[in-house]
Amino acid sequence: MVNDIDDDFPEELNSNDESLENTDTNIESSTLANKKAQEQAQKNLLARKRIDELMEKKRLKDLLDDSEDW
């Protein structure tokens, strides 16, 4: 019995090492995904701001357009 436990011990260490490597990889890919998500969110905010500016410009142009008054 003692030999069985001793035989399993190095395998447990190896599996723990693999788990740590997988965890590190998951953290890195998660961090990269978060960074890309933040970049996309920033682009979306800029695009939304630009759309709002153009819509406001169009609204003001329509208000100032007096061609129907003549």
C-alpha atoms as a PDB file:
ATOM      1  CA  MET A   1       0.000   0.000   0.000  1.00  0.00           C
ATOM      2  CA  VAL A   2       2.724   2.463   0.890  1.00  0.00           C
ATOM      3  CA  ASN A   3       4.424   1.803  -2.441  1.00  0.00           C
ATOM      4  CA  ASP A   4       1.207   2.545  -4.307  1.00  0.00           C
ATOM      5  CA  ILE A   5       0.946   5.937  -2.630  1.00  0.00           C
ATOM      6  CA  ASP A   6       4.598   6.714  -3.347  1.00  0.00           C
ATOM      7  CA  ASP A   7       4.135   5.706  -6.985  1.00  0.00           C
ATOM      8  CA  ASP A   8       1.168   8.051  -7.347  1.00  0.00           C
ATOM      9  CA  PHE A   9       2.863  11.008  -5.737  1.00  0.00           C
ATOM     10  CA  PRO A  10       5.015  12.115  -8.710  1.00  0.00           C
ATOM     11  CA  GLU A  11       2.024  11.773 -11.034  1.00  0.00           C
ATOM     12  CA  GLU A  12       0.007  14.037  -8.770  1.00  0.00           C
ATOM     13  CA  LEU A  13       2.784  16.600  -8.922  1.00  0.00           C
ATOM     14  CA  ASN A  14       2.863  16.388 -12.703  1.00  0.00           C
ATOM     15  CA  SER A  15      -0.882  16.787 -12.954  1.00  0.00           C
ATOM     16  CA  ASN A  16      -0.703  19.791 -10.625  1.00  0.00           C
ATOM     17  CA  ASP A  17       2.006  21.304 -12.812  1.00  0.00           C
ATOM     18  CA  GLU A  18      -0.162  20.762 -15.879  1.00  0.00           C
ATOM     19  CA  SER A  19      -3.096  22.349 -14.063  1.00  0.00           C
ATOM     20  CA  LEU A  20      -1.009  25.383 -13.215  1.00  0.00           C
ATOM     21  CA  GLU A  21       0.117  25.691 -16.834  1.00  0.00           C
ATOM     22  CA  ASN A  22      -3.485  25.380 -18.025  1.00  0.00           C
ATOM     23  CA  THR A  23      -4.560  27.952 -15.460  1.00  0.00           C
ATOM     24  CA  ASP A  24      -1.822  30.345 -16.622  1.00  0.00           C
ATOM     25  CA  THR A  25      -2.878  29.817 -20.230  1.00  0.00           C
ATOM     26  CA  ASN A  26      -6.520  30.388 -19.315  1.00  0.00           C
ATOM     27  CA  ILE A  27      -5.627  33.575 -17.447  1.00  0.00           C
ATOM     28  CA  GLU A  28      -3.584  34.848 -20.395  1.00  0.00           C
ATOM     29  CA  SER A  29      -6.309  34.093 -22.913  1.00  0.00           C
ATOM     30  CA  SER A  30      -8.916  35.569 -20.574  1.00  0.00           C
ATOM     31  CA  THR A  31      -6.818  38.710 -20.187  1.00  0.00           C
ATOM     32  CA  LEU A  32      -6.382  38.930 -23.953  1.00  0.00           C
ATOM     33  CA  ALA A  33     -10.116  38.437 -24.466  1.00  0.00           C
ATOM     34  CA  ASN A  34     -10.855  41.163 -21.921  1.00  0.00           C
ATOM     35  CA  LYS A  35      -8.427  43.520 -23.621  1.00  0.00           C
ATOM     36  CA  LYS A  36     -10.029  42.886 -27.016  1.00  0.00           C
ATOM     37  CA  ALA A  37     -13.486  43.341 -25.509  1.00  0.00           C
ATOM     38  CA  GLN A  38     -12.430  46.669 -24.007  1.00  0.00           C
ATOM     39  CA  GLU A  39     -10.969  47.808 -27.333  1.00  0.00           C
ATOM     40  CA  GLN A  40     -14.190  46.849 -29.125  1.00  0.00           C
ATOM     41  CA  ALA A  41     -16.271  48.630 -26.492  1.00  0.00           C
ATOM     42  CA  GLN A  42     -14.169  51.766 -26.990  1.00  0.00           C
ATOM     43  CA  LYS A  43     -14.644  51.564 -30.764  1.00  0.00           C
ATOM     44  CA  ASN A  44     -18.379  51.114 -30.259  1.00  0.00           C
ATOM     45  CA  LEU A  45     -18.527  54.193 -28.017  1.00  0.00           C
ATOM     46  CA  LEU A  46     -16.674  56.285 -30.576  1.00  0.00           C
ATOM     47  CA  ALA A  47     -18.930  55.045 -33.368  1.00  0.00           C
ATOM     48  CA  ARG A  48     -22.048  55.763 -31.296  1.00  0.00           C
ATOM     49  CA  LYS A  49     -20.774  59.260 -30.526  1.00  0.00           C
ATOM     50  CA  ARG A  50     -20.133  59.903 -34.224  1.00  0.00           C
ATOM     51  CA  ILE A  51     -23.590  58.612 -35.164  1.00  0.00           C
ATOM     52  CA  ASP A  52     -25.177  60.868 -32.551  1.00  0.00           C
ATOM     53  CA  GLU A  53     -23.231  63.863 -33.887  1.00  0.00           C
ATOM     54  CA  LEU A  54     -24.348  63.154 -37.452  1.00  0.00           C
ATOM     55  CA  MET A  55     -27.969  62.680 -36.380  1.00  0.00           C
ATOM     56  CA  GLU A  56     -27.877  65.979 -34.500  1.00  0.00           C
ATOM     57  CA  LYS A  57     -26.320  67.709 -37.505  1.00  0.00           C
ATOM     58  CA  LYS A  58     -29.061  66.320 -39.747  1.00  0.00           C
ATOM     59  CA  ARG A  59     -31.761  67.391 -37.273  1.00  0.00           C
ATOM     60  CA  LEU A  60     -30.380  70.903 -37.120  1.00  0.00           C
ATOM     61  CA  LYS A  61     -30.115  71.061 -40.900  1.00  0.00           C
ATOM     62  CA  ASP A  62     -33.763  70.002 -41.188  1.00  0.00           C
ATOM     63  CA  LEU A  63     -34.765  72.673 -38.688  1.00  0.00           C
ATOM     64  CA  LEU A  64     -32.862  75.368 -40.569  1.00  0.00           C
ATOM     65  CA  ASP A  65     -34.079  74.261 -43.977  1.00  0.00           C
ATOM     66  CA  ASP A  66     -36.686  76.810 -44.931  1.00  0.00           C
ATOM     67  CA  SER A  67     -37.264  75.716 -48.531  1.00  0.00           C
ATOM     68  CA  GLU A  68     -40.798  74.651 -47.661  1.00  0.00           C
ATOM     69  CA  ASP A  69     -41.551  78.110 -46.335  1.00  0.00           C
ATOM     70  CA  TRP A  70     -41.128  79.719 -49.749  1.00  0.00           C
END
